[in-house]
Amino acid sequence: MVQTVLYRVRGPFKSKRKERSVLDDSKIVALYLRRSEEAIEQTAEKYGSRLRALSYRIVEDSQTAEECENDTYMEAWSAIPPHEPRAHLFAFLARITRHLSLNCCRDRSRLKRSAYLCELSTELEQCIPSSDDVQRRIDGLALGEELNRFLGALSEEKRNIFVRRYWFLDSVPAISERFAISESKVKTVLFRCRERLRKQLETEGYTL
């Protein structure tokens, strides 16, 4: 069943306001494949606020976050086809947004956020092979079999905490509030997950 909403396109796309139905992901992807501009509109309506929020947590600037959101639509337009993320459209878009936002931090020398990203990288250096260019290696492992297997073996709570910290880049206080648990528990879960991942990768022959 589709949901009727009021829609307004932002950014570089033509502004308009009218009633529009939110489609499921497979139908949105089908619009991309047909090269219909409605694909962008439907994507913005369904996932725009979530993509913007993800970007803002990285760049901490509303205008830059909106630019990254709009750039995500353009990159998705270029990437579909050949990709057809019918079953994981948001994850596909979020990966694009995350890369764009991280690049903004690097390009614009956002020192405060760079320090925070270095903090996250330092945490993961304990369990990710070879600490040089850690962010590149994190992204490489994100779709790798080992990390998928690791995440699949975690309980739902631990998996959610780990993903919120190292994929969505949430702070410990934010994770604590989101899941209604103490900050000390969040830190403990993250530490134990990192240790578990480190041991799993060592067992598989990775040199840490």
N, C-alpha and C. Protein backbone atom coordinates (compact mmCIF):
# COMPACT_ATOMS: atom_id res chain seq x y z
N MET A 1 0.85 -1.20 0.00
CA MET A 1 0.00 0.00 0.00
C MET A 1 0.88 1.24 0.00
N VAL A 2 0.63 2.19 -0.90
CA VAL A 2 1.44 3.39 -0.97
C VAL A 2 0.89 4.45 -0.04
N GLN A 3 1.76 5.37 0.34
CA GLN A 3 1.40 6.44 1.25
C GLN A 3 1.39 7.76 0.50
N THR A 4 0.37 8.57 0.68
CA THR A 4 0.29 9.86 0.01
C THR A 4 0.93 10.93 0.88
N VAL A 5 1.82 11.73 0.29
CA VAL A 5 2.54 12.75 1.04
C VAL A 5 2.61 14.01 0.19
N LEU A 6 3.00 15.12 0.83
CA LEU A 6 3.28 16.35 0.10
C LEU A 6 4.75 16.36 -0.22
N TYR A 7 5.10 16.66 -1.45
CA TYR A 7 6.48 16.55 -1.90
C TYR A 7 7.00 17.89 -2.41
N ARG A 8 8.23 18.22 -2.07
CA ARG A 8 8.88 19.41 -2.60
C ARG A 8 10.33 19.05 -2.88
N VAL A 9 10.79 19.26 -4.12
CA VAL A 9 12.18 18.98 -4.48
C VAL A 9 13.04 20.14 -4.05
N ARG A 10 14.21 19.84 -3.48
CA ARG A 10 15.15 20.87 -3.07
C ARG A 10 16.36 20.89 -4.00
N GLY A 11 17.32 21.76 -3.66
CA GLY A 11 18.64 21.74 -4.28
C GLY A 11 18.58 22.08 -5.75
N PRO A 12 19.40 21.37 -6.57
CA PRO A 12 19.53 21.74 -7.98
C PRO A 12 18.36 21.31 -8.83
N PHE A 13 17.42 20.60 -8.24
CA PHE A 13 16.28 20.14 -9.01
C PHE A 13 15.16 21.18 -8.95
N LYS A 14 14.31 21.12 -9.90
CA LYS A 14 13.24 22.11 -10.03
C LYS A 14 12.28 22.02 -8.86
N SER A 15 12.00 23.18 -8.22
CA SER A 15 11.12 23.20 -7.06
C SER A 15 9.66 23.07 -7.48
N LYS A 16 8.95 22.23 -6.75
CA LYS A 16 7.53 22.11 -6.99
C LYS A 16 6.89 21.47 -5.77
N ARG A 17 5.61 21.60 -5.62
CA ARG A 17 4.92 21.06 -4.47
C ARG A 17 3.62 20.44 -4.94
N LYS A 18 3.47 19.16 -4.72
CA LYS A 18 2.26 18.49 -5.14
C LYS A 18 2.13 17.18 -4.40
N GLU A 19 0.95 16.58 -4.45
CA GLU A 19 0.77 15.28 -3.82
C GLU A 19 1.49 14.22 -4.63
N ARG A 20 2.16 13.31 -3.91
CA ARG A 20 2.93 12.27 -4.57
C ARG A 20 2.88 11.02 -3.70
N SER A 21 2.87 9.87 -4.32
CA SER A 21 2.84 8.61 -3.59
C SER A 21 4.26 8.08 -3.41
N VAL A 22 4.57 7.61 -2.20
CA VAL A 22 5.87 7.03 -1.93
C VAL A 22 5.88 5.58 -2.40
N LEU A 23 6.78 5.25 -3.28
CA LEU A 23 6.85 3.91 -3.84
C LEU A 23 7.78 3.02 -3.04
N ASP A 24 7.65 1.70 -3.23
CA ASP A 24 8.62 0.82 -2.60
C ASP A 24 9.92 0.87 -3.41
N ASP A 25 11.00 0.34 -2.81
CA ASP A 25 12.33 0.50 -3.38
C ASP A 25 12.45 -0.07 -4.79
N SER A 26 11.86 -1.23 -5.02
CA SER A 26 12.00 -1.86 -6.34
C SER A 26 11.39 -0.98 -7.43
N LYS A 27 10.30 -0.31 -7.11
CA LYS A 27 9.67 0.57 -8.10
C LYS A 27 10.49 1.84 -8.32
N ILE A 28 11.13 2.32 -7.26
CA ILE A 28 12.00 3.49 -7.42
C ILE A 28 13.19 3.14 -8.31
N VAL A 29 13.78 1.98 -8.06
CA VAL A 29 14.91 1.55 -8.89
C VAL A 29 14.47 1.38 -10.34
N ALA A 30 13.26 0.88 -10.55
CA ALA A 30 12.74 0.73 -11.91
C ALA A 30 12.65 2.09 -12.61
N LEU A 31 12.32 3.15 -11.86
CA LEU A 31 12.29 4.49 -12.43
C LEU A 31 13.67 4.93 -12.87
N TYR A 32 14.70 4.63 -12.04
CA TYR A 32 16.07 4.94 -12.45
C TYR A 32 16.42 4.22 -13.75
N LEU A 33 16.06 2.96 -13.82
CA LEU A 33 16.40 2.17 -15.00
C LEU A 33 15.71 2.70 -16.25
N ARG A 34 14.53 3.31 -16.06
CA ARG A 34 13.83 3.90 -17.20
C ARG A 34 14.29 5.33 -17.47
N ARG A 35 15.24 5.82 -16.65
CA ARG A 35 15.77 7.19 -16.76
C ARG A 35 14.68 8.22 -16.56
N SER A 36 13.80 7.95 -15.62
CA SER A 36 12.73 8.88 -15.28
C SER A 36 13.18 9.78 -14.13
N GLU A 37 13.03 11.10 -14.28
CA GLU A 37 13.43 12.02 -13.23
C GLU A 37 12.60 11.84 -11.97
N GLU A 38 11.47 11.16 -12.09
CA GLU A 38 10.66 10.88 -10.90
C GLU A 38 11.44 10.02 -9.91
N ALA A 39 12.44 9.28 -10.39
CA ALA A 39 13.26 8.47 -9.50
C ALA A 39 13.93 9.35 -8.45
N ILE A 40 14.46 10.50 -8.88
CA ILE A 40 15.11 11.43 -7.95
C ILE A 40 14.10 11.97 -6.95
N GLU A 41 12.93 12.33 -7.46
CA GLU A 41 11.89 12.89 -6.61
C GLU A 41 11.44 11.89 -5.55
N GLN A 42 11.22 10.67 -5.97
CA GLN A 42 10.78 9.62 -5.04
C GLN A 42 11.87 9.32 -4.01
N THR A 43 13.11 9.29 -4.45
CA THR A 43 14.23 9.03 -3.54
C THR A 43 14.32 10.12 -2.49
N ALA A 44 14.21 11.37 -2.92
CA ALA A 44 14.30 12.50 -1.99
C ALA A 44 13.16 12.47 -0.98
N GLU A 45 11.98 12.13 -1.44
CA GLU A 45 10.83 12.10 -0.54
C GLU A 45 10.97 10.98 0.49
N LYS A 46 11.42 9.83 0.05
CA LYS A 46 11.45 8.68 0.93
C LYS A 46 12.67 8.68 1.86
N TYR A 47 13.82 9.09 1.34
CA TYR A 47 15.06 8.93 2.11
C TYR A 47 15.84 10.22 2.34
N GLY A 48 15.36 11.34 1.81
CA GLY A 48 16.11 12.59 1.91
C GLY A 48 16.49 12.98 3.32
N SER A 49 15.54 12.95 4.24
CA SER A 49 15.82 13.39 5.61
C SER A 49 16.84 12.47 6.29
N ARG A 50 16.78 11.18 6.01
CA ARG A 50 17.73 10.24 6.62
C ARG A 50 19.13 10.43 6.05
N LEU A 51 19.22 10.65 4.75
CA LEU A 51 20.52 10.88 4.13
C LEU A 51 21.13 12.19 4.62
N ARG A 52 20.30 13.21 4.75
CA ARG A 52 20.78 14.51 5.23
C ARG A 52 21.26 14.40 6.67
N ALA A 53 20.54 13.65 7.48
CA ALA A 53 20.94 13.46 8.88
C ALA A 53 22.26 12.71 8.97
N LEU A 54 22.42 11.69 8.13
CA LEU A 54 23.67 10.95 8.11
C LEU A 54 24.83 11.87 7.75
N SER A 55 24.65 12.68 6.72
CA SER A 55 25.70 13.60 6.31
C SER A 55 26.00 14.62 7.40
N TYR A 56 24.96 15.13 8.05
CA TYR A 56 25.16 16.16 9.07
C TYR A 56 25.98 15.63 10.25
N ARG A 57 25.79 14.35 10.60
CA ARG A 57 26.57 13.79 11.69
C ARG A 57 28.06 13.77 11.37
N ILE A 58 28.39 13.78 10.09
CA ILE A 58 29.79 13.76 9.68
C ILE A 58 30.34 15.17 9.50
N VAL A 59 29.59 16.03 8.80
CA VAL A 59 30.13 17.35 8.43
C VAL A 59 29.74 18.45 9.42
N GLU A 60 28.67 18.23 10.19
CA GLU A 60 28.18 19.21 11.18
C GLU A 60 27.95 20.59 10.57
N ASP A 61 27.36 20.60 9.38
CA ASP A 61 27.01 21.85 8.72
C ASP A 61 25.79 21.58 7.84
N SER A 62 24.70 22.31 8.08
CA SER A 62 23.43 22.02 7.41
C SER A 62 23.52 22.19 5.91
N GLN A 63 24.17 23.27 5.45
CA GLN A 63 24.25 23.51 4.01
C GLN A 63 25.08 22.43 3.33
N THR A 64 26.20 22.06 3.94
CA THR A 64 27.04 21.02 3.35
C THR A 64 26.30 19.68 3.33
N ALA A 65 25.56 19.40 4.39
CA ALA A 65 24.80 18.15 4.44
C ALA A 65 23.77 18.09 3.33
N GLU A 66 23.12 19.23 3.05
CA GLU A 66 22.13 19.26 1.97
C GLU A 66 22.81 19.10 0.61
N GLU A 67 24.01 19.69 0.46
CA GLU A 67 24.75 19.51 -0.79
C GLU A 67 25.11 18.04 -0.99
N CYS A 68 25.54 17.38 0.09
CA CYS A 68 25.90 15.96 -0.01
C CYS A 68 24.67 15.12 -0.35
N GLU A 69 23.52 15.49 0.22
CA GLU A 69 22.28 14.78 -0.09
C GLU A 69 21.98 14.88 -1.58
N ASN A 70 22.04 16.09 -2.12
CA ASN A 70 21.74 16.28 -3.54
C ASN A 70 22.76 15.61 -4.44
N ASP A 71 24.03 15.66 -4.04
CA ASP A 71 25.06 14.97 -4.82
C ASP A 71 24.84 13.47 -4.81
N THR A 72 24.26 12.96 -3.72
CA THR A 72 23.95 11.54 -3.65
C THR A 72 22.98 11.14 -4.75
N TYR A 73 21.96 11.98 -4.98
CA TYR A 73 20.98 11.67 -6.02
C TYR A 73 21.64 11.64 -7.40
N MET A 74 22.56 12.57 -7.63
CA MET A 74 23.23 12.61 -8.92
C MET A 74 24.12 11.38 -9.13
N GLU A 75 24.80 10.98 -8.06
CA GLU A 75 25.65 9.79 -8.18
C GLU A 75 24.81 8.52 -8.33
N ALA A 76 23.69 8.49 -7.64
CA ALA A 76 22.79 7.34 -7.79
C ALA A 76 22.26 7.27 -9.22
N TRP A 77 21.95 8.42 -9.79
CA TRP A 77 21.46 8.48 -11.17
C TRP A 77 22.50 7.91 -12.13
N SER A 78 23.77 8.19 -11.85
CA SER A 78 24.85 7.69 -12.71
C SER A 78 25.14 6.21 -12.48
N ALA A 79 24.87 5.74 -11.26
CA ALA A 79 25.23 4.37 -10.90
C ALA A 79 24.13 3.35 -11.18
N ILE A 80 22.89 3.83 -11.35
CA ILE A 80 21.76 2.93 -11.64
C ILE A 80 21.22 3.24 -13.03
N PRO A 81 21.38 2.40 -14.03
CA PRO A 81 22.25 1.22 -14.05
C PRO A 81 23.72 1.63 -14.13
N PRO A 82 24.66 0.67 -13.95
CA PRO A 82 24.48 -0.79 -14.01
C PRO A 82 23.98 -1.43 -12.72
N HIS A 83 24.17 -0.75 -11.59
CA HIS A 83 23.70 -1.34 -10.33
C HIS A 83 22.17 -1.33 -10.28
N GLU A 84 21.61 -2.30 -9.60
CA GLU A 84 20.15 -2.38 -9.42
C GLU A 84 19.86 -2.76 -7.96
N PRO A 85 20.00 -1.80 -7.03
CA PRO A 85 19.85 -2.10 -5.60
C PRO A 85 18.39 -2.17 -5.15
N ARG A 86 17.61 -3.05 -5.76
CA ARG A 86 16.19 -3.13 -5.46
C ARG A 86 15.92 -3.52 -4.01
N ALA A 87 16.78 -4.39 -3.46
CA ALA A 87 16.54 -4.91 -2.11
C ALA A 87 17.29 -4.14 -1.04
N HIS A 88 18.13 -3.18 -1.43
CA HIS A 88 18.93 -2.46 -0.43
C HIS A 88 19.19 -1.03 -0.89
N LEU A 89 18.17 -0.35 -1.31
CA LEU A 89 18.34 0.99 -1.88
C LEU A 89 18.90 1.97 -0.85
N PHE A 90 18.36 1.97 0.38
CA PHE A 90 18.86 2.94 1.36
C PHE A 90 20.32 2.70 1.68
N ALA A 91 20.72 1.44 1.85
CA ALA A 91 22.12 1.13 2.13
C ALA A 91 23.01 1.61 0.98
N PHE A 92 22.53 1.42 -0.24
CA PHE A 92 23.26 1.87 -1.44
C PHE A 92 23.44 3.39 -1.41
N LEU A 93 22.37 4.11 -1.11
CA LEU A 93 22.42 5.57 -1.06
C LEU A 93 23.27 6.06 0.12
N ALA A 94 23.11 5.41 1.27
CA ALA A 94 23.84 5.83 2.47
C ALA A 94 25.34 5.70 2.27
N ARG A 95 25.76 4.66 1.57
CA ARG A 95 27.19 4.50 1.29
C ARG A 95 27.71 5.67 0.45
N ILE A 96 26.92 6.09 -0.54
CA ILE A 96 27.32 7.24 -1.36
C ILE A 96 27.40 8.50 -0.50
N THR A 97 26.37 8.74 0.30
CA THR A 97 26.33 9.93 1.15
C THR A 97 27.50 9.97 2.11
N ARG A 98 27.80 8.83 2.68
CA ARG A 98 28.90 8.74 3.65
C ARG A 98 30.23 9.09 2.99
N HIS A 99 30.49 8.56 1.82
CA HIS A 99 31.73 8.85 1.11
C HIS A 99 31.82 10.33 0.75
N LEU A 100 30.72 10.89 0.24
CA LEU A 100 30.72 12.31 -0.11
C LEU A 100 30.99 13.18 1.11
N SER A 101 30.38 12.84 2.23
CA SER A 101 30.53 13.63 3.45
C SER A 101 31.94 13.54 4.00
N LEU A 102 32.51 12.34 4.00
CA LEU A 102 33.88 12.18 4.45
C LEU A 102 34.84 12.96 3.56
N ASN A 103 34.59 12.96 2.27
CA ASN A 103 35.43 13.73 1.35
C ASN A 103 35.34 15.22 1.64
N CYS A 104 34.14 15.69 2.01
CA CYS A 104 33.98 17.10 2.37
C CYS A 104 34.83 17.44 3.59
N CYS A 105 34.86 16.54 4.56
CA CYS A 105 35.67 16.78 5.76
C CYS A 105 37.14 16.90 5.39
N ARG A 106 37.59 16.04 4.50
CA ARG A 106 39.00 16.07 4.10
C ARG A 106 39.29 17.32 3.26
N ASP A 107 38.42 17.61 2.31
CA ASP A 107 38.66 18.71 1.38
C ASP A 107 38.59 20.07 2.07
N ARG A 108 37.72 20.19 3.06
CA ARG A 108 37.52 21.50 3.69
C ARG A 108 38.24 21.62 5.02
N SER A 109 39.05 20.63 5.35
CA SER A 109 39.87 20.66 6.57
C SER A 109 39.04 20.97 7.81
N ARG A 110 37.98 20.23 7.99
CA ARG A 110 37.14 20.43 9.17
C ARG A 110 37.85 19.76 10.35
N LEU A 111 38.64 20.55 11.06
CA LEU A 111 39.57 19.99 12.04
C LEU A 111 38.85 19.25 13.16
N LYS A 112 37.76 19.81 13.64
CA LYS A 112 37.05 19.16 14.73
C LYS A 112 36.55 17.79 14.31
N ARG A 113 35.94 17.71 13.12
CA ARG A 113 35.41 16.44 12.66
C ARG A 113 36.55 15.50 12.27
N SER A 114 37.65 16.05 11.74
CA SER A 114 38.78 15.21 11.41
C SER A 114 39.31 14.54 12.66
N ALA A 115 39.34 15.28 13.77
CA ALA A 115 39.81 14.70 15.02
C ALA A 115 38.88 13.58 15.46
N TYR A 116 37.58 13.78 15.28
CA TYR A 116 36.62 12.74 15.66
C TYR A 116 36.78 11.51 14.78
N LEU A 117 36.96 11.71 13.49
CA LEU A 117 37.15 10.58 12.58
C LEU A 117 38.45 9.86 12.89
N CYS A 118 39.47 10.60 13.29
CA CYS A 118 40.73 9.96 13.70
C CYS A 118 40.52 9.11 14.94
N GLU A 119 39.65 9.60 15.84
CA GLU A 119 39.34 8.82 17.05
C GLU A 119 38.71 7.49 16.67
N LEU A 120 37.75 7.51 15.74
CA LEU A 120 37.12 6.27 15.31
C LEU A 120 38.11 5.36 14.60
N SER A 121 38.97 5.96 13.77
CA SER A 121 39.97 5.16 13.07
C SER A 121 40.93 4.51 14.05
N THR A 122 41.30 5.26 15.09
CA THR A 122 42.21 4.72 16.10
C THR A 122 41.59 3.53 16.79
N GLU A 123 40.30 3.61 17.09
CA GLU A 123 39.61 2.49 17.72
C GLU A 123 39.69 1.25 16.84
N LEU A 124 39.45 1.44 15.55
CA LEU A 124 39.41 0.29 14.65
C LEU A 124 40.79 -0.20 14.23
N GLU A 125 41.82 0.61 14.45
CA GLU A 125 43.17 0.14 14.15
C GLU A 125 43.53 -1.07 15.01
N GLN A 126 42.81 -1.23 16.14
CA GLN A 126 43.06 -2.36 17.02
C GLN A 126 42.64 -3.68 16.38
N CYS A 127 41.75 -3.63 15.38
CA CYS A 127 41.25 -4.88 14.84
C CYS A 127 41.18 -4.93 13.32
N ILE A 128 41.60 -3.86 12.65
CA ILE A 128 41.61 -3.85 11.19
C ILE A 128 43.06 -3.97 10.71
N PRO A 129 43.36 -4.84 9.79
CA PRO A 129 44.74 -5.03 9.34
C PRO A 129 45.37 -3.76 8.80
N SER A 130 46.63 -3.53 9.15
CA SER A 130 47.46 -2.45 8.63
C SER A 130 46.82 -1.08 8.82
N SER A 131 47.39 -0.30 9.71
CA SER A 131 46.75 0.95 10.11
C SER A 131 46.92 2.09 9.12
N ASP A 132 47.73 1.92 8.07
CA ASP A 132 47.85 2.99 7.09
C ASP A 132 46.60 3.04 6.22
N ASP A 133 46.12 4.25 5.99
CA ASP A 133 44.91 4.45 5.20
C ASP A 133 43.76 3.60 5.74
N VAL A 134 43.50 3.78 7.05
CA VAL A 134 42.50 2.95 7.73
C VAL A 134 41.11 3.13 7.12
N GLN A 135 40.75 4.36 6.76
CA GLN A 135 39.40 4.57 6.25
C GLN A 135 39.17 3.78 4.98
N ARG A 136 40.19 3.75 4.10
CA ARG A 136 40.04 2.98 2.86
C ARG A 136 39.85 1.50 3.17
N ARG A 137 40.58 1.01 4.16
CA ARG A 137 40.48 -0.41 4.50
C ARG A 137 39.16 -0.72 5.19
N ILE A 138 38.66 0.23 5.99
CA ILE A 138 37.34 0.04 6.61
C ILE A 138 36.28 -0.11 5.52
N ASP A 139 36.31 0.80 4.54
CA ASP A 139 35.32 0.74 3.47
C ASP A 139 35.46 -0.56 2.67
N GLY A 140 36.69 -1.00 2.49
CA GLY A 140 36.88 -2.23 1.76
C GLY A 140 36.31 -3.42 2.51
N LEU A 141 36.49 -3.43 3.81
CA LEU A 141 35.97 -4.54 4.61
C LEU A 141 34.46 -4.49 4.78
N ALA A 142 33.89 -3.28 4.61
CA ALA A 142 32.46 -3.13 4.87
C ALA A 142 31.62 -4.08 4.05
N LEU A 143 32.09 -4.39 2.83
CA LEU A 143 31.36 -5.32 1.97
C LEU A 143 32.03 -6.68 1.92
N GLY A 144 33.06 -6.85 2.72
CA GLY A 144 33.80 -8.10 2.70
C GLY A 144 33.11 -9.22 3.45
N GLU A 145 33.45 -10.40 3.05
CA GLU A 145 32.83 -11.59 3.65
C GLU A 145 33.10 -11.70 5.14
N GLU A 146 34.32 -11.37 5.55
CA GLU A 146 34.66 -11.55 6.96
C GLU A 146 33.85 -10.63 7.87
N LEU A 147 33.74 -9.38 7.50
CA LEU A 147 32.99 -8.45 8.35
C LEU A 147 31.52 -8.79 8.35
N ASN A 148 30.99 -9.19 7.19
CA ASN A 148 29.59 -9.61 7.14
C ASN A 148 29.34 -10.81 8.05
N ARG A 149 30.29 -11.73 8.03
CA ARG A 149 30.15 -12.91 8.89
C ARG A 149 30.24 -12.52 10.36
N PHE A 150 31.13 -11.61 10.66
CA PHE A 150 31.28 -11.12 12.02
C PHE A 150 29.98 -10.46 12.50
N LEU A 151 29.43 -9.56 11.67
CA LEU A 151 28.20 -8.86 12.06
C LEU A 151 27.03 -9.83 12.20
N GLY A 152 26.98 -10.81 11.30
CA GLY A 152 25.89 -11.78 11.34
C GLY A 152 25.89 -12.63 12.59
N ALA A 153 27.07 -12.80 13.20
CA ALA A 153 27.18 -13.63 14.40
C ALA A 153 26.88 -12.86 15.69
N LEU A 154 26.80 -11.53 15.59
CA LEU A 154 26.51 -10.72 16.77
C LEU A 154 25.02 -10.76 17.10
N SER A 155 24.72 -10.50 18.38
CA SER A 155 23.31 -10.33 18.74
C SER A 155 22.80 -9.05 18.09
N GLU A 156 21.50 -8.90 17.99
CA GLU A 156 20.93 -7.71 17.34
C GLU A 156 21.38 -6.44 18.04
N GLU A 157 21.40 -6.44 19.37
CA GLU A 157 21.80 -5.25 20.11
C GLU A 157 23.25 -4.88 19.83
N LYS A 158 24.14 -5.85 19.89
CA LYS A 158 25.56 -5.57 19.66
C LYS A 158 25.80 -5.13 18.22
N ARG A 159 25.12 -5.77 17.30
CA ARG A 159 25.28 -5.40 15.88
C ARG A 159 24.82 -3.96 15.65
N ASN A 160 23.68 -3.60 16.23
CA ASN A 160 23.17 -2.24 16.07
C ASN A 160 24.14 -1.21 16.64
N ILE A 161 24.69 -1.50 17.81
CA ILE A 161 25.63 -0.58 18.45
C ILE A 161 26.89 -0.42 17.60
N PHE A 162 27.41 -1.54 17.11
CA PHE A 162 28.63 -1.51 16.30
C PHE A 162 28.41 -0.73 15.02
N VAL A 163 27.29 -0.97 14.35
CA VAL A 163 27.00 -0.29 13.08
C VAL A 163 26.75 1.20 13.30
N ARG A 164 26.03 1.55 14.36
CA ARG A 164 25.78 2.97 14.62
C ARG A 164 27.09 3.71 14.88
N ARG A 165 28.04 3.04 15.52
CA ARG A 165 29.31 3.70 15.84
C ARG A 165 30.22 3.81 14.62
N TYR A 166 30.38 2.74 13.88
CA TYR A 166 31.43 2.71 12.86
C TYR A 166 30.92 2.87 11.43
N TRP A 167 29.62 2.81 11.24
CA TRP A 167 29.09 3.10 9.91
C TRP A 167 28.41 4.46 9.89
N PHE A 168 27.49 4.68 10.85
CA PHE A 168 26.78 5.97 10.90
C PHE A 168 27.55 7.02 11.69
N LEU A 169 28.65 6.62 12.33
CA LEU A 169 29.55 7.54 13.04
C LEU A 169 28.88 8.25 14.21
N ASP A 170 27.94 7.57 14.87
CA ASP A 170 27.30 8.14 16.04
C ASP A 170 28.28 8.22 17.20
N SER A 171 28.10 9.22 18.05
CA SER A 171 28.90 9.31 19.26
C SER A 171 28.40 8.31 20.29
N VAL A 172 29.21 8.04 21.30
CA VAL A 172 28.79 7.13 22.37
C VAL A 172 27.55 7.65 23.08
N PRO A 173 27.48 8.95 23.44
CA PRO A 173 26.25 9.47 24.07
C PRO A 173 25.02 9.30 23.18
N ALA A 174 25.17 9.50 21.87
CA ALA A 174 24.03 9.36 20.96
C ALA A 174 23.55 7.92 20.91
N ILE A 175 24.47 6.97 20.90
CA ILE A 175 24.09 5.56 20.90
C ILE A 175 23.41 5.20 22.21
N SER A 176 23.95 5.72 23.29
CA SER A 176 23.37 5.48 24.61
C SER A 176 21.92 5.94 24.67
N GLU A 177 21.67 7.12 24.14
CA GLU A 177 20.30 7.67 24.13
C GLU A 177 19.40 6.89 23.20
N ARG A 178 19.91 6.54 22.02
CA ARG A 178 19.10 5.83 21.03
C ARG A 178 18.58 4.49 21.57
N PHE A 179 19.45 3.75 22.26
CA PHE A 179 19.07 2.41 22.71
C PHE A 179 18.73 2.34 24.21
N ALA A 180 18.70 3.52 24.85
CA ALA A 180 18.31 3.60 26.27
C ALA A 180 19.19 2.69 27.14
N ILE A 181 20.50 2.79 26.93
CA ILE A 181 21.46 2.05 27.75
C ILE A 181 22.53 3.03 28.22
N SER A 182 23.32 2.63 29.20
CA SER A 182 24.33 3.52 29.73
C SER A 182 25.51 3.67 28.77
N GLU A 183 26.21 4.80 28.89
CA GLU A 183 27.38 5.00 28.05
C GLU A 183 28.45 3.97 28.34
N SER A 184 28.57 3.58 29.60
CA SER A 184 29.57 2.57 29.96
C SER A 184 29.27 1.24 29.28
N LYS A 185 27.99 0.90 29.13
CA LYS A 185 27.64 -0.34 28.44
C LYS A 185 27.98 -0.24 26.96
N VAL A 186 27.72 0.93 26.37
CA VAL A 186 28.07 1.12 24.95
C VAL A 186 29.56 0.91 24.75
N LYS A 187 30.37 1.52 25.61
CA LYS A 187 31.82 1.40 25.48
C LYS A 187 32.28 -0.04 25.67
N THR A 188 31.66 -0.74 26.62
CA THR A 188 32.02 -2.13 26.86
C THR A 188 31.68 -3.01 25.66
N VAL A 189 30.46 -2.81 25.11
CA VAL A 189 30.05 -3.59 23.94
C VAL A 189 30.99 -3.33 22.77
N LEU A 190 31.34 -2.08 22.53
CA LEU A 190 32.23 -1.75 21.42
C LEU A 190 33.60 -2.37 21.61
N PHE A 191 34.12 -2.29 22.84
CA PHE A 191 35.44 -2.87 23.10
C PHE A 191 35.43 -4.38 22.86
N ARG A 192 34.42 -5.05 23.37
CA ARG A 192 34.34 -6.50 23.20
C ARG A 192 34.13 -6.90 21.75
N CYS A 193 33.35 -6.08 21.02
CA CYS A 193 33.16 -6.36 19.59
C CYS A 193 34.46 -6.19 18.82
N ARG A 194 35.21 -5.14 19.14
CA ARG A 194 36.50 -4.95 18.46
C ARG A 194 37.45 -6.10 18.74
N GLU A 195 37.47 -6.55 19.99
CA GLU A 195 38.33 -7.67 20.35
C GLU A 195 37.90 -8.94 19.62
N ARG A 196 36.61 -9.14 19.53
CA ARG A 196 36.11 -10.32 18.84
C ARG A 196 36.46 -10.28 17.35
N LEU A 197 36.31 -9.09 16.75
CA LEU A 197 36.65 -8.94 15.34
C LEU A 197 38.15 -9.15 15.12
N ARG A 198 38.96 -8.60 16.02
CA ARG A 198 40.41 -8.76 15.90
C ARG A 198 40.79 -10.24 15.93
N LYS A 199 40.23 -10.98 16.89
CA LYS A 199 40.56 -12.40 17.00
C LYS A 199 40.07 -13.18 15.78
N GLN A 200 38.90 -12.81 15.26
CA GLN A 200 38.38 -13.50 14.09
C GLN A 200 39.28 -13.28 12.88
N LEU A 201 39.73 -12.03 12.70
CA LEU A 201 40.59 -11.74 11.56
C LEU A 201 41.96 -12.39 11.70
N GLU A 202 42.48 -12.43 12.94
CA GLU A 202 43.76 -13.12 13.16
C GLU A 202 43.64 -14.60 12.84
N THR A 203 42.51 -15.19 13.24
CA THR A 203 42.28 -16.60 12.96
C THR A 203 42.25 -16.88 11.46
N GLU A 204 41.75 -15.88 10.70
CA GLU A 204 41.66 -16.04 9.25
C GLU A 204 42.96 -15.67 8.53
N GLY A 205 44.00 -15.34 9.33
CA GLY A 205 45.30 -15.10 8.73
C GLY A 205 45.66 -13.66 8.46
N TYR A 206 44.83 -12.72 8.93
CA TYR A 206 45.17 -11.30 8.74
C TYR A 206 46.26 -10.90 9.72
N THR A 207 47.18 -10.05 9.26
CA THR A 207 48.22 -9.53 10.13
C THR A 207 47.81 -8.15 10.63
N LEU A 208 47.72 -8.03 11.94
CA LEU A 208 47.24 -6.77 12.54
C LEU A 208 48.40 -5.91 13.00
